[in-house]
Amino acid sequence: MEKSDISRRDFLKLSGLSLGALVLPVDTIDNLVKPSPEKNPERLKAETIVALKAAQSAREFFEGREYTYGKADCAIFAGQFATYFGIPLIRNNDSASIYKPDAADYLPHATTVKQVPWFNTMNNSLGGGCTMELETKKLAQEGFWATVSPGSLVYLKTQGESQHGYDQYSHVAAFLGHDEYQKPIFGEYSPAMKKGPEIDRSLEQVLKMYHGNLPSLTTTIVDVPKIAAEMWKRKLEAVVPNSKALIEAGYTSFLTININNGLATNWEVNKEGQPEPREFADGSKELYCVVGRNLLSKIGLTEKYNTLIEKISSFDKYANLKHSSYDSTNAILRGTPLDVPRYCLTPPLMFEVSDFSLVGNFGHLGGSTDIAIMQVLEEKDGKVVKVDEISNYTIHATPQGTDSQQDLLLRDELLNEANKVGKPLPPNKVHLTSGCANFTPEVFKIIKRSLLHDKNKKTAVIFSYPDFPQDTQLNNGAFTYARDPLGGSLNRLWDYTEL
């Protein structure tokens, strides 16, 4: 048996990623991932953990199904892999010959010949640097894979005729990192697989389709984590309600907040069942708030988070955290429980507003503040329901008369200027809170009047990114502060202490 075969099995076995495993023990990663000097070892280790989690999550989607073109194949596996990082899918039935990719659309759920143009289009819209096209022969060069980020998708062409035409992209695999012998490891779904995708594939196995003779064709490699990190947090426009589930559940009034820059807008569902903008009670079209602090990019947090999940995911309360990961390279919480990339302490959630209340000593700061009483909305058994607990994440006025006012006065100063000039704060100044959205007391009065103008209407508050599919945010596993890895008591268990 070849040494590389043993190392691959050991890599997956010790990493907790054998076919039935659910966890990824971190102590084994120290021994297994030894990158070349060109890459920062701690960074690559973190990227590998996240990529393996993505592959495991994508594999579970197929529930051990046999490879079936168009239903359970390599491109559909790639789509599920990309979804883990925060790239939504769309079912596109256009033929490849007429498909025209648009960065405003989502990734086609299937077919390599449509996914590659979409990734190239998205890469161009982000200014480049997320995809590369190279000769297939370069894939076999020693040292090449040390330059590729774990989590990248590798799209391969078939020489001659394939199901997609002549010399076309016909296969894709996910690069997951290296084993202890510096052999690259891949996740792959190929026609020979009878029990779903495999995530212990060698480079030789992936390139077996060429029968030992690499063609003079091009390969496209997509840095999926990088694209997913950039495609949402750059969006600074208003968040338009797009949740069909909420509208069907009778919600007709919406306050949306772009958690990238605190831009708040007001919406009402018209007679045709479509949301349309509505002015706030003072006639404003936009109002502005500050939101949660950006997450930390700190070496070691990925491993510490993974250790925490290994310990607690066996408990029912935290079971939906098992595939989640903390990407310390890009400072993003990925995967469950939110199925939405999270860049800051304000979670991308949707809520129902039931009332408002004046609260003293809010956040143990002394003083008082006016807050909205909200409950997280989730989808359960095909219905939109409210989580029983009152949400600790809410919207409120900046606390007044506190024991230590300096930081809070800065919030008011910045927000007063933003509302005066009619522009949201720049992203480098808006992330100031422990997770709630804060308005000045004067503006919060306007928010209240706007949301309470008709108590017979069901009102929802949406924390999100522009164009993100909001129905995905309902798949949150009854999210609460106590179940939040960045809140409650959990954050201290993995040394995330920024709250």
Foldseek 3Di string as FASTA:
>chain_A
DDPLVVLLVCCCVQQQNDPPGQAGALVVLVQWADADPVDDRLQLSLLLLLLSLLLSQLQVVCQFAADDPPPAFQLLSLQSSLLQLAQDEDADDDQLVPDDADQLDGAHNDDPSRRVNNLVNLCVVLPHDFKDKDWQVCVPDPPPCSVPGQSKKKWAFDDQQDPNGHRGGDAIWGFNHGTNVRWTWIWGRDNVRHTTIDGSDTPCRVPCSVVPDRDRHMMMIGNSNVSSLPSFLVFDDWAADDAPQVLVQFFFKEWEAAQLFFKIFIWGQDPVRGIDGDAFPVRHGIAGWFFAAFAALDRPLQNLVSVLLVPPCVDPLQVQCSSWTQNSNSRWTTGPPQSHIDGGLADFFKWWFDAKDWDACVVVFGAIWIWTFIFTWAADPNHIDTQPDTAPATEIAQGPPGPDCPLSVVRQVQRVVCVVVVHTDHSVPRHRDNHHIYHHPVVVVRVVCRVVVDNVHIYMYGHDTHSRHRNSRNSNSSDHQCNDCSHDCNVVSSPNPPD
